[in-house]
Amino acid sequence: MGMAEWRLQGVEFTSCNCNWGCPCQFSSRPTHGHCEAVVSMRVDKGHLEDIVLDGLCWVATFAWPGAIHEGNGRCQVFIEERASEAQRNALLTILSGGETDPGATVFQVFSTTLSEVFEPRFLPIEFSVDVDGRTAHTLIPGVLEVTGEPIRNPVTGEPQRARLVLPDGFEFTEAEMASGSYRTQGDIKIESQGGHGHFARLHFTGRGVVR
């Protein structure tokens, strides 16, 4: 059988414990020797075969003891509780790297680095994001909270704009750099203040990033 056809388009905010810019984006060692992150996405348009995923939000928490490519990572996924069982299963298939060419998307790549995947949870998710304004807020009451804001000039306090372009990236082609903070209380408990953040408009299929 052939690979199931799917597509995800939407906006993302990611925050991790590295310094602004995140050395991992440049195949360098993580700032503090280990990687922790929270990823939030709103699917503006998406499907897996005939299962429509438009408007759904998901969040994932990650923790690796070293660099991501060294493995032994942990992950937990949260999907909006209003998603139907079919939609939940479809998103979990995509987010776990299923129905995807090897190395084609961040989901598939990350799946090969995980040694522990906690049971997904289906909960109310509040996610507001402004890619151009570099602001975001993710809230799952009692579980996690994430904020994103522009990087600011240390002298004037004025917001600074920086972009990262990865022509062959498996997550995005271009992203707005930002500052991010998070605190989680799920199965993966992580916390960071004023670390790396980035905003991107994502577009994936099982073949990879659509450019």
N, C-alpha and C. Protein backbone atom coordinates (compact mmCIF):
# COMPACT_ATOMS: atom_id res chain seq x y z
N MET A 1 0.84 -1.20 0.00
CA MET A 1 0.00 0.00 0.00
C MET A 1 0.87 1.24 0.00
N GLY A 2 0.36 2.32 -0.65
CA GLY A 2 1.09 3.57 -0.67
C GLY A 2 0.91 4.34 0.62
N MET A 3 1.68 5.39 0.73
CA MET A 3 1.62 6.23 1.92
C MET A 3 0.34 7.06 1.91
N ALA A 4 -0.32 7.17 3.05
CA ALA A 4 -1.53 7.98 3.15
C ALA A 4 -1.19 9.44 2.89
N GLU A 5 -2.09 10.13 2.21
CA GLU A 5 -1.84 11.53 1.85
C GLU A 5 -2.30 12.45 2.97
N TRP A 6 -1.43 13.38 3.37
CA TRP A 6 -1.80 14.33 4.41
C TRP A 6 -1.13 15.67 4.17
N ARG A 7 -1.66 16.70 4.85
CA ARG A 7 -1.12 18.05 4.74
C ARG A 7 -1.44 18.81 6.02
N LEU A 8 -0.46 19.58 6.51
CA LEU A 8 -0.68 20.49 7.64
C LEU A 8 -0.16 21.87 7.26
N GLN A 9 -1.01 22.87 7.38
CA GLN A 9 -0.61 24.26 7.20
C GLN A 9 -1.08 25.05 8.41
N GLY A 10 -0.20 25.91 8.93
CA GLY A 10 -0.60 26.70 10.08
C GLY A 10 0.55 27.49 10.66
N VAL A 11 0.32 28.02 11.85
CA VAL A 11 1.31 28.85 12.51
C VAL A 11 1.82 28.15 13.76
N GLU A 12 3.11 28.38 14.02
CA GLU A 12 3.80 27.69 15.11
C GLU A 12 4.56 28.68 15.98
N PHE A 13 4.59 28.40 17.27
CA PHE A 13 5.55 29.05 18.17
C PHE A 13 6.27 27.97 18.94
N THR A 14 7.59 28.03 18.92
CA THR A 14 8.42 27.08 19.66
C THR A 14 9.33 27.84 20.62
N SER A 15 9.44 27.35 21.84
CA SER A 15 10.36 27.93 22.82
C SER A 15 11.21 26.81 23.38
N CYS A 16 12.53 27.07 23.53
CA CYS A 16 13.42 26.08 24.11
C CYS A 16 14.35 26.73 25.12
N ASN A 17 15.17 25.91 25.77
CA ASN A 17 16.01 26.40 26.85
C ASN A 17 17.34 26.97 26.37
N CYS A 18 17.58 26.97 25.07
CA CYS A 18 18.83 27.53 24.55
C CYS A 18 18.78 29.06 24.54
N ASN A 19 19.94 29.69 24.33
CA ASN A 19 20.00 31.14 24.14
C ASN A 19 19.26 31.53 22.86
N TRP A 20 18.93 32.81 22.73
CA TRP A 20 18.25 33.30 21.53
C TRP A 20 19.00 32.85 20.28
N GLY A 21 18.25 32.42 19.30
CA GLY A 21 18.83 31.94 18.06
C GLY A 21 19.00 30.44 18.02
N CYS A 22 19.25 29.81 19.17
CA CYS A 22 19.36 28.37 19.33
C CYS A 22 20.48 27.75 18.49
N PRO A 23 21.59 27.41 19.10
CA PRO A 23 22.70 26.82 18.35
C PRO A 23 22.34 25.51 17.66
N CYS A 24 21.31 24.81 18.14
CA CYS A 24 20.90 23.57 17.49
C CYS A 24 20.51 23.82 16.02
N GLN A 25 20.02 25.02 15.72
CA GLN A 25 19.64 25.35 14.35
C GLN A 25 20.85 25.38 13.42
N PHE A 26 22.05 25.46 14.02
CA PHE A 26 23.29 25.53 13.25
C PHE A 26 24.16 24.29 13.46
N SER A 27 23.51 23.20 13.88
CA SER A 27 24.19 21.92 14.13
C SER A 27 25.30 22.05 15.16
N SER A 28 25.10 22.94 16.14
CA SER A 28 26.04 23.13 17.23
C SER A 28 25.45 22.54 18.51
N ARG A 29 26.25 22.45 19.54
CA ARG A 29 25.79 21.89 20.81
C ARG A 29 24.77 22.83 21.46
N PRO A 30 23.79 22.28 22.19
CA PRO A 30 22.83 23.13 22.89
C PRO A 30 23.52 23.98 23.94
N THR A 31 22.96 25.15 24.19
CA THR A 31 23.57 26.14 25.08
C THR A 31 23.95 25.56 26.43
N HIS A 32 23.05 24.80 27.03
CA HIS A 32 23.26 24.29 28.39
C HIS A 32 23.57 22.79 28.40
N GLY A 33 23.88 22.24 27.24
CA GLY A 33 24.27 20.84 27.16
C GLY A 33 23.12 19.87 27.00
N HIS A 34 21.87 20.34 27.16
CA HIS A 34 20.70 19.49 26.99
C HIS A 34 19.60 20.30 26.32
N CYS A 35 18.62 19.62 25.77
CA CYS A 35 17.54 20.28 25.03
C CYS A 35 16.19 20.05 25.70
N GLU A 36 15.46 21.13 25.89
CA GLU A 36 14.08 21.09 26.37
C GLU A 36 13.28 22.07 25.53
N ALA A 37 12.04 21.74 25.21
CA ALA A 37 11.27 22.63 24.35
C ALA A 37 9.78 22.37 24.49
N VAL A 38 9.02 23.42 24.16
CA VAL A 38 7.57 23.31 24.03
C VAL A 38 7.19 23.87 22.66
N VAL A 39 6.44 23.10 21.91
CA VAL A 39 6.01 23.48 20.56
C VAL A 39 4.49 23.61 20.55
N SER A 40 4.00 24.73 20.01
CA SER A 40 2.56 24.95 19.87
C SER A 40 2.24 25.23 18.41
N MET A 41 1.15 24.66 17.92
CA MET A 41 0.75 24.91 16.54
C MET A 41 -0.77 24.96 16.42
N ARG A 42 -1.23 25.89 15.59
CA ARG A 42 -2.64 25.92 15.17
C ARG A 42 -2.69 25.49 13.71
N VAL A 43 -3.47 24.46 13.45
CA VAL A 43 -3.62 23.97 12.07
C VAL A 43 -4.70 24.80 11.40
N ASP A 44 -4.30 25.68 10.50
CA ASP A 44 -5.29 26.49 9.78
C ASP A 44 -5.97 25.68 8.69
N LYS A 45 -5.20 24.80 8.07
CA LYS A 45 -5.75 23.94 7.03
C LYS A 45 -4.99 22.63 7.06
N GLY A 46 -5.70 21.52 7.16
CA GLY A 46 -4.99 20.25 7.20
C GLY A 46 -5.94 19.08 7.07
N HIS A 47 -5.36 17.94 6.72
CA HIS A 47 -6.15 16.71 6.62
C HIS A 47 -5.21 15.51 6.59
N LEU A 48 -5.75 14.37 6.92
CA LEU A 48 -5.14 13.07 6.68
C LEU A 48 -6.17 12.26 5.91
N GLU A 49 -5.89 12.01 4.63
CA GLU A 49 -6.88 11.44 3.73
C GLU A 49 -8.15 12.31 3.78
N ASP A 50 -9.29 11.74 4.20
CA ASP A 50 -10.53 12.54 4.21
C ASP A 50 -10.87 13.10 5.59
N ILE A 51 -9.95 13.02 6.54
CA ILE A 51 -10.19 13.54 7.89
C ILE A 51 -9.69 14.98 7.96
N VAL A 52 -10.59 15.92 8.13
CA VAL A 52 -10.26 17.35 8.14
C VAL A 52 -9.74 17.76 9.51
N LEU A 53 -8.64 18.52 9.52
CA LEU A 53 -8.00 18.93 10.77
C LEU A 53 -8.01 20.44 10.95
N ASP A 54 -8.73 21.16 10.12
CA ASP A 54 -8.75 22.62 10.15
C ASP A 54 -9.13 23.15 11.53
N GLY A 55 -8.36 24.13 12.02
CA GLY A 55 -8.70 24.85 13.24
C GLY A 55 -8.25 24.20 14.53
N LEU A 56 -7.69 23.01 14.47
CA LEU A 56 -7.27 22.33 15.70
C LEU A 56 -5.88 22.78 16.15
N CYS A 57 -5.70 22.84 17.45
CA CYS A 57 -4.39 23.17 18.03
C CYS A 57 -3.80 21.94 18.72
N TRP A 58 -2.48 21.88 18.69
CA TRP A 58 -1.77 20.85 19.44
C TRP A 58 -0.53 21.46 20.07
N VAL A 59 -0.06 20.83 21.13
CA VAL A 59 1.13 21.27 21.85
C VAL A 59 1.95 20.02 22.17
N ALA A 60 3.27 20.15 22.14
CA ALA A 60 4.13 19.02 22.52
C ALA A 60 5.26 19.51 23.41
N THR A 61 5.57 18.73 24.43
CA THR A 61 6.72 19.02 25.29
C THR A 61 7.80 17.97 25.00
N PHE A 62 9.06 18.44 25.02
CA PHE A 62 10.19 17.58 24.71
C PHE A 62 11.30 17.79 25.72
N ALA A 63 12.08 16.74 25.97
CA ALA A 63 13.27 16.85 26.82
C ALA A 63 14.27 15.78 26.39
N TRP A 64 15.48 16.22 26.06
CA TRP A 64 16.59 15.33 25.73
C TRP A 64 17.72 15.58 26.72
N PRO A 65 18.43 14.54 27.15
CA PRO A 65 19.51 14.73 28.13
C PRO A 65 20.75 15.38 27.53
N GLY A 66 20.86 15.37 26.22
CA GLY A 66 21.99 15.99 25.53
C GLY A 66 21.49 16.67 24.28
N ALA A 67 22.28 16.63 23.22
CA ALA A 67 21.82 17.16 21.94
C ALA A 67 20.73 16.24 21.37
N ILE A 68 19.83 16.82 20.58
CA ILE A 68 18.69 16.07 20.08
C ILE A 68 19.14 14.83 19.31
N HIS A 69 20.15 14.95 18.46
CA HIS A 69 20.54 13.82 17.60
C HIS A 69 21.15 12.67 18.40
N GLU A 70 21.51 12.93 19.67
CA GLU A 70 22.08 11.87 20.50
C GLU A 70 21.00 10.97 21.11
N GLY A 71 19.74 11.38 20.99
CA GLY A 71 18.64 10.51 21.38
C GLY A 71 18.30 10.50 22.86
N ASN A 72 17.57 9.45 23.26
CA ASN A 72 17.07 9.27 24.63
C ASN A 72 16.12 10.38 25.05
N GLY A 73 15.38 10.92 24.09
CA GLY A 73 14.44 11.98 24.39
C GLY A 73 13.12 11.50 24.93
N ARG A 74 12.39 12.43 25.55
CA ARG A 74 11.05 12.17 26.06
C ARG A 74 10.09 13.17 25.41
N CYS A 75 8.85 12.74 25.21
CA CYS A 75 7.87 13.60 24.55
C CYS A 75 6.47 13.33 25.09
N GLN A 76 5.68 14.39 25.13
CA GLN A 76 4.25 14.25 25.42
C GLN A 76 3.48 15.21 24.53
N VAL A 77 2.39 14.72 23.95
CA VAL A 77 1.57 15.51 23.03
C VAL A 77 0.23 15.81 23.67
N PHE A 78 -0.24 17.04 23.43
CA PHE A 78 -1.56 17.49 23.90
C PHE A 78 -2.35 17.95 22.68
N ILE A 79 -3.58 17.48 22.58
CA ILE A 79 -4.46 17.85 21.47
C ILE A 79 -5.76 18.39 22.06
N GLU A 80 -6.33 19.37 21.37
CA GLU A 80 -7.58 19.96 21.84
C GLU A 80 -8.63 18.88 22.08
N GLU A 81 -9.30 18.99 23.21
CA GLU A 81 -10.28 17.96 23.58
C GLU A 81 -11.47 17.92 22.62
N ARG A 82 -11.72 19.01 21.91
CA ARG A 82 -12.86 19.03 20.99
C ARG A 82 -12.62 18.21 19.73
N ALA A 83 -11.39 17.80 19.49
CA ALA A 83 -11.09 16.95 18.33
C ALA A 83 -11.81 15.62 18.46
N SER A 84 -12.36 15.14 17.36
CA SER A 84 -13.02 13.84 17.36
C SER A 84 -11.97 12.74 17.48
N GLU A 85 -12.43 11.53 17.72
CA GLU A 85 -11.49 10.41 17.83
C GLU A 85 -10.70 10.24 16.53
N ALA A 86 -11.38 10.40 15.40
CA ALA A 86 -10.70 10.27 14.11
C ALA A 86 -9.66 11.36 13.94
N GLN A 87 -9.99 12.59 14.34
CA GLN A 87 -9.04 13.69 14.24
C GLN A 87 -7.86 13.49 15.18
N ARG A 88 -8.12 13.02 16.37
CA ARG A 88 -7.04 12.74 17.32
C ARG A 88 -6.07 11.72 16.75
N ASN A 89 -6.61 10.64 16.22
CA ASN A 89 -5.76 9.59 15.67
C ASN A 89 -4.97 10.09 14.46
N ALA A 90 -5.62 10.93 13.65
CA ALA A 90 -4.94 11.46 12.47
C ALA A 90 -3.76 12.35 12.87
N LEU A 91 -4.00 13.25 13.82
CA LEU A 91 -2.92 14.13 14.28
C LEU A 91 -1.80 13.33 14.94
N LEU A 92 -2.15 12.36 15.74
CA LEU A 92 -1.12 11.55 16.39
C LEU A 92 -0.30 10.77 15.36
N THR A 93 -0.93 10.31 14.30
CA THR A 93 -0.19 9.63 13.24
C THR A 93 0.84 10.57 12.62
N ILE A 94 0.42 11.78 12.29
CA ILE A 94 1.32 12.76 11.66
C ILE A 94 2.43 13.17 12.63
N LEU A 95 2.05 13.50 13.86
CA LEU A 95 3.02 14.01 14.83
C LEU A 95 4.02 12.95 15.27
N SER A 96 3.68 11.69 15.12
CA SER A 96 4.61 10.61 15.48
C SER A 96 5.50 10.21 14.31
N GLY A 97 5.37 10.94 13.19
CA GLY A 97 6.22 10.66 12.04
C GLY A 97 5.69 9.60 11.11
N GLY A 98 4.44 9.19 11.33
CA GLY A 98 3.84 8.18 10.47
C GLY A 98 3.48 8.73 9.10
N GLU A 99 3.35 7.85 8.13
CA GLU A 99 2.96 8.21 6.76
C GLU A 99 3.84 9.33 6.21
N THR A 100 5.14 9.26 6.50
CA THR A 100 6.09 10.31 6.13
C THR A 100 7.39 9.69 5.66
N ASP A 101 7.98 10.29 4.62
CA ASP A 101 9.28 9.83 4.16
C ASP A 101 10.33 10.06 5.24
N PRO A 102 11.28 9.15 5.40
CA PRO A 102 12.34 9.31 6.40
C PRO A 102 13.09 10.64 6.23
N GLY A 103 13.22 11.37 7.34
CA GLY A 103 13.95 12.63 7.32
C GLY A 103 13.22 13.80 6.70
N ALA A 104 11.94 13.61 6.30
CA ALA A 104 11.24 14.65 5.54
C ALA A 104 10.67 15.77 6.38
N THR A 105 10.29 15.48 7.63
CA THR A 105 9.70 16.51 8.49
C THR A 105 10.30 16.43 9.88
N VAL A 106 10.13 17.51 10.63
CA VAL A 106 10.61 17.56 12.01
C VAL A 106 9.95 16.47 12.84
N PHE A 107 8.70 16.14 12.54
CA PHE A 107 8.00 15.10 13.30
C PHE A 107 8.69 13.76 13.12
N GLN A 108 9.00 13.41 11.88
CA GLN A 108 9.62 12.12 11.62
C GLN A 108 11.05 12.07 12.19
N VAL A 109 11.79 13.17 12.03
CA VAL A 109 13.16 13.22 12.54
C VAL A 109 13.17 13.08 14.06
N PHE A 110 12.34 13.87 14.73
CA PHE A 110 12.30 13.80 16.20
C PHE A 110 11.87 12.42 16.69
N SER A 111 10.97 11.76 15.96
CA SER A 111 10.47 10.45 16.40
C SER A 111 11.60 9.44 16.53
N THR A 112 12.65 9.62 15.74
CA THR A 112 13.77 8.67 15.77
C THR A 112 14.71 8.94 16.95
N THR A 113 14.50 10.03 17.68
CA THR A 113 15.38 10.40 18.79
C THR A 113 14.73 10.17 20.14
N LEU A 114 13.52 9.62 20.16
CA LEU A 114 12.77 9.48 21.40
C LEU A 114 12.86 8.06 21.95
N SER A 115 13.07 7.97 23.26
CA SER A 115 13.06 6.66 23.92
C SER A 115 11.85 6.50 24.84
N GLU A 116 11.15 7.61 25.11
CA GLU A 116 9.96 7.56 25.98
C GLU A 116 8.92 8.54 25.47
N VAL A 117 7.76 8.01 25.13
CA VAL A 117 6.64 8.83 24.66
C VAL A 117 5.47 8.60 25.60
N PHE A 118 5.08 9.63 26.32
CA PHE A 118 4.00 9.51 27.29
C PHE A 118 2.65 9.49 26.57
N GLU A 119 1.65 8.99 27.26
CA GLU A 119 0.31 8.95 26.69
C GLU A 119 -0.15 10.36 26.33
N PRO A 120 -0.74 10.54 25.16
CA PRO A 120 -1.26 11.87 24.80
C PRO A 120 -2.42 12.25 25.69
N ARG A 121 -2.62 13.54 25.83
CA ARG A 121 -3.75 14.03 26.62
C ARG A 121 -4.59 14.96 25.76
N PHE A 122 -5.89 14.92 26.00
CA PHE A 122 -6.84 15.69 25.21
C PHE A 122 -7.53 16.68 26.13
N LEU A 123 -7.13 17.95 26.03
CA LEU A 123 -7.49 18.97 27.01
C LEU A 123 -7.82 20.28 26.31
N PRO A 124 -8.45 21.22 27.03
CA PRO A 124 -8.66 22.55 26.46
C PRO A 124 -7.31 23.24 26.23
N ILE A 125 -7.13 23.80 25.05
CA ILE A 125 -5.89 24.52 24.73
C ILE A 125 -6.24 25.93 24.29
N GLU A 126 -5.59 26.90 24.92
CA GLU A 126 -5.70 28.29 24.49
C GLU A 126 -4.38 28.66 23.82
N PHE A 127 -4.45 29.07 22.55
CA PHE A 127 -3.24 29.41 21.81
C PHE A 127 -3.51 30.65 20.96
N SER A 128 -2.83 31.73 21.28
CA SER A 128 -2.90 32.95 20.48
C SER A 128 -1.50 33.25 19.96
N VAL A 129 -1.41 33.65 18.69
CA VAL A 129 -0.10 33.84 18.08
C VAL A 129 -0.16 34.94 17.03
N ASP A 130 0.87 35.77 16.99
CA ASP A 130 1.04 36.81 15.98
C ASP A 130 2.46 36.69 15.46
N VAL A 131 2.62 36.06 14.31
CA VAL A 131 3.96 35.79 13.78
C VAL A 131 4.71 37.08 13.51
N ASP A 132 4.07 38.03 12.84
CA ASP A 132 4.75 39.28 12.50
C ASP A 132 5.07 40.11 13.73
N GLY A 133 4.18 40.09 14.72
CA GLY A 133 4.42 40.84 15.94
C GLY A 133 5.29 40.12 16.94
N ARG A 134 5.59 38.83 16.67
CA ARG A 134 6.42 37.99 17.53
C ARG A 134 5.87 37.90 18.95
N THR A 135 4.56 37.66 19.05
CA THR A 135 3.96 37.45 20.37
C THR A 135 3.12 36.17 20.32
N ALA A 136 3.12 35.46 21.44
CA ALA A 136 2.33 34.23 21.54
C ALA A 136 2.03 33.92 22.99
N HIS A 137 0.95 33.19 23.19
CA HIS A 137 0.60 32.71 24.53
C HIS A 137 -0.11 31.37 24.38
N THR A 138 0.41 30.37 25.03
CA THR A 138 -0.21 29.05 25.06
C THR A 138 -0.54 28.70 26.50
N LEU A 139 -1.76 28.24 26.71
CA LEU A 139 -2.18 27.86 28.06
C LEU A 139 -2.99 26.58 28.01
N ILE A 140 -2.57 25.61 28.79
CA ILE A 140 -3.38 24.44 29.12
C ILE A 140 -3.51 24.48 30.64
N PRO A 141 -4.65 24.90 31.15
CA PRO A 141 -4.78 25.14 32.60
C PRO A 141 -4.32 23.95 33.43
N GLY A 142 -3.45 24.25 34.40
CA GLY A 142 -2.94 23.24 35.30
C GLY A 142 -1.86 22.36 34.72
N VAL A 143 -1.50 22.58 33.44
CA VAL A 143 -0.52 21.71 32.78
C VAL A 143 0.69 22.49 32.27
N LEU A 144 0.44 23.58 31.55
CA LEU A 144 1.57 24.34 31.03
C LEU A 144 1.14 25.74 30.62
N GLU A 145 2.14 26.64 30.58
CA GLU A 145 1.94 27.99 30.06
C GLU A 145 3.21 28.41 29.34
N VAL A 146 3.03 29.00 28.17
CA VAL A 146 4.16 29.41 27.33
C VAL A 146 3.89 30.83 26.83
N THR A 147 4.93 31.67 26.82
CA THR A 147 4.78 33.02 26.28
C THR A 147 5.92 33.30 25.31
N GLY A 148 5.62 34.09 24.30
CA GLY A 148 6.63 34.53 23.35
C GLY A 148 6.55 36.03 23.17
N GLU A 149 7.70 36.65 23.01
CA GLU A 149 7.77 38.11 22.81
C GLU A 149 8.99 38.44 21.98
N PRO A 150 9.05 39.66 21.43
CA PRO A 150 10.22 40.02 20.63
C PRO A 150 11.49 40.06 21.46
N ILE A 151 12.61 39.78 20.82
CA ILE A 151 13.92 40.04 21.41
C ILE A 151 14.06 41.55 21.55
N ARG A 152 14.63 42.00 22.66
CA ARG A 152 14.73 43.44 22.89
C ARG A 152 16.18 43.90 23.01
N ASN A 153 16.44 45.08 22.47
CA ASN A 153 17.76 45.70 22.58
C ASN A 153 18.10 45.90 24.05
N PRO A 154 19.26 45.43 24.53
CA PRO A 154 19.59 45.52 25.95
C PRO A 154 19.83 46.94 26.43
N VAL A 155 20.04 47.87 25.51
CA VAL A 155 20.29 49.27 25.89
C VAL A 155 19.01 50.09 25.85
N THR A 156 18.28 49.99 24.75
CA THR A 156 17.10 50.83 24.57
C THR A 156 15.79 50.14 24.95
N GLY A 157 15.81 48.81 25.00
CA GLY A 157 14.58 48.08 25.27
C GLY A 157 13.67 47.94 24.06
N GLU A 158 14.09 48.49 22.93
CA GLU A 158 13.27 48.42 21.72
C GLU A 158 13.29 47.00 21.15
N PRO A 159 12.17 46.55 20.57
CA PRO A 159 12.15 45.22 19.98
C PRO A 159 13.09 45.15 18.78
N GLN A 160 13.78 44.03 18.67
CA GLN A 160 14.68 43.79 17.55
C GLN A 160 14.14 42.65 16.71
N ARG A 161 14.37 42.75 15.41
CA ARG A 161 13.86 41.72 14.51
C ARG A 161 15.02 40.94 13.91
N ALA A 162 14.92 39.63 13.92
CA ALA A 162 15.91 38.77 13.30
C ALA A 162 15.19 37.57 12.71
N ARG A 163 15.65 37.14 11.55
CA ARG A 163 15.05 35.99 10.88
C ARG A 163 16.12 34.94 10.62
N LEU A 164 15.69 33.69 10.62
CA LEU A 164 16.57 32.59 10.27
C LEU A 164 16.00 31.93 9.02
N VAL A 165 16.85 31.78 8.01
CA VAL A 165 16.45 31.13 6.76
C VAL A 165 17.21 29.81 6.63
N LEU A 166 16.47 28.73 6.50
CA LEU A 166 17.04 27.40 6.31
C LEU A 166 16.46 26.83 5.02
N PRO A 167 17.13 27.04 3.90
CA PRO A 167 16.56 26.61 2.61
C PRO A 167 16.20 25.13 2.55
N ASP A 168 16.90 24.31 3.31
CA ASP A 168 16.62 22.87 3.31
C ASP A 168 16.10 22.37 4.65
N GLY A 169 15.56 23.27 5.48
CA GLY A 169 15.11 22.90 6.81
C GLY A 169 13.98 21.88 6.79
N PHE A 170 13.93 21.01 7.79
CA PHE A 170 12.85 20.01 7.86
C PHE A 170 11.71 20.46 8.76
N GLU A 171 11.83 21.70 9.32
CA GLU A 171 10.72 22.27 10.09
C GLU A 171 10.15 23.49 9.38
N PHE A 172 11.02 24.41 9.01
CA PHE A 172 10.59 25.63 8.32
C PHE A 172 11.67 26.06 7.33
N THR A 173 11.28 26.94 6.41
CA THR A 173 12.25 27.58 5.52
C THR A 173 12.69 28.90 6.10
N GLU A 174 11.76 29.60 6.75
CA GLU A 174 12.09 30.90 7.35
C GLU A 174 11.30 31.07 8.65
N ALA A 175 11.96 31.60 9.67
CA ALA A 175 11.30 31.81 10.96
C ALA A 175 11.74 33.13 11.56
N GLU A 176 10.84 33.74 12.32
CA GLU A 176 11.13 34.94 13.09
C GLU A 176 11.70 34.53 14.44
N MET A 177 12.86 35.07 14.79
CA MET A 177 13.48 34.78 16.07
C MET A 177 12.82 35.60 17.18
N ALA A 178 12.75 35.04 18.37
CA ALA A 178 12.04 35.68 19.48
C ALA A 178 12.59 35.20 20.80
N SER A 179 11.98 35.67 21.86
CA SER A 179 12.29 35.25 23.22
C SER A 179 11.10 34.46 23.75
N GLY A 180 11.37 33.36 24.42
CA GLY A 180 10.28 32.53 24.91
C GLY A 180 10.50 32.07 26.34
N SER A 181 9.39 31.82 27.02
CA SER A 181 9.43 31.31 28.39
C SER A 181 8.34 30.26 28.54
N TYR A 182 8.57 29.28 29.39
CA TYR A 182 7.56 28.25 29.61
C TYR A 182 7.75 27.60 30.98
N ARG A 183 6.67 26.99 31.43
CA ARG A 183 6.68 26.16 32.63
C ARG A 183 5.63 25.09 32.44
N THR A 184 6.02 23.84 32.63
CA THR A 184 5.09 22.73 32.41
C THR A 184 4.93 21.90 33.66
N GLN A 185 3.76 21.27 33.78
CA GLN A 185 3.45 20.42 34.93
C GLN A 185 2.90 19.07 34.50
N GLY A 186 3.15 18.69 33.26
CA GLY A 186 2.68 17.40 32.78
C GLY A 186 3.65 16.29 33.19
N ASP A 187 3.68 15.22 32.41
CA ASP A 187 4.62 14.13 32.71
C ASP A 187 6.06 14.58 32.50
N ILE A 188 6.24 15.59 31.65
CA ILE A 188 7.55 16.18 31.46
C ILE A 188 7.53 17.56 32.10
N LYS A 189 8.26 17.73 33.18
CA LYS A 189 8.27 19.00 33.92
C LYS A 189 9.54 19.76 33.56
N ILE A 190 9.37 20.86 32.82
CA ILE A 190 10.49 21.68 32.38
C ILE A 190 10.13 23.15 32.57
N GLU A 191 11.16 23.99 32.64
CA GLU A 191 10.94 25.42 32.87
C GLU A 191 12.09 26.21 32.27
N SER A 192 11.79 27.33 31.64
CA SER A 192 12.81 28.22 31.09
C SER A 192 12.25 29.63 31.06
N GLN A 193 13.12 30.61 31.26
CA GLN A 193 12.71 32.01 31.27
C GLN A 193 13.61 32.80 30.34
N GLY A 194 13.02 33.45 29.34
CA GLY A 194 13.77 34.31 28.45
C GLY A 194 14.76 33.58 27.57
N GLY A 195 14.41 32.37 27.15
CA GLY A 195 15.27 31.61 26.25
C GLY A 195 14.87 31.79 24.80
N HIS A 196 15.33 30.88 23.98
CA HIS A 196 15.04 30.97 22.54
C HIS A 196 13.56 30.77 22.24
N GLY A 197 13.10 31.48 21.22
CA GLY A 197 11.77 31.26 20.67
C GLY A 197 11.80 31.51 19.18
N HIS A 198 10.92 30.86 18.45
CA HIS A 198 10.78 31.22 17.04
C HIS A 198 9.34 31.00 16.57
N PHE A 199 8.97 31.84 15.62
CA PHE A 199 7.66 31.82 15.01
C PHE A 199 7.81 31.43 13.55
N ALA A 200 6.91 30.58 13.06
CA ALA A 200 6.99 30.19 11.66
C ALA A 200 5.60 29.84 11.14
N ARG A 201 5.46 30.03 9.84
CA ARG A 201 4.29 29.55 9.13
C ARG A 201 4.68 28.22 8.49
N LEU A 202 4.05 27.16 8.96
CA LEU A 202 4.45 25.82 8.56
C LEU A 202 3.56 25.27 7.46
N HIS A 203 4.15 24.44 6.61
CA HIS A 203 3.39 23.76 5.57
C HIS A 203 4.10 22.43 5.28
N PHE A 204 3.48 21.35 5.69
CA PHE A 204 4.06 20.01 5.56
C PHE A 204 3.15 19.10 4.75
N THR A 205 3.78 18.13 4.10
CA THR A 205 3.10 16.93 3.64
C THR A 205 3.98 15.76 4.05
N GLY A 206 3.57 14.55 3.75
CA GLY A 206 4.38 13.39 4.05
C GLY A 206 5.68 13.33 3.27
N ARG A 207 5.79 14.16 2.25
CA ARG A 207 7.02 14.22 1.44
C ARG A 207 8.00 15.26 1.96
N GLY A 208 7.52 16.14 2.86
CA GLY A 208 8.43 17.13 3.42
C GLY A 208 7.82 18.52 3.51
N VAL A 209 8.70 19.52 3.70
CA VAL A 209 8.27 20.91 3.81
C VAL A 209 7.92 21.44 2.43
N VAL A 210 6.76 22.06 2.32
CA VAL A 210 6.35 22.69 1.06
C VAL A 210 6.94 24.10 1.02
N ARG A 211 7.71 24.40 0.01
CA ARG A 211 8.43 25.68 -0.06
C ARG A 211 7.86 26.58 -1.15
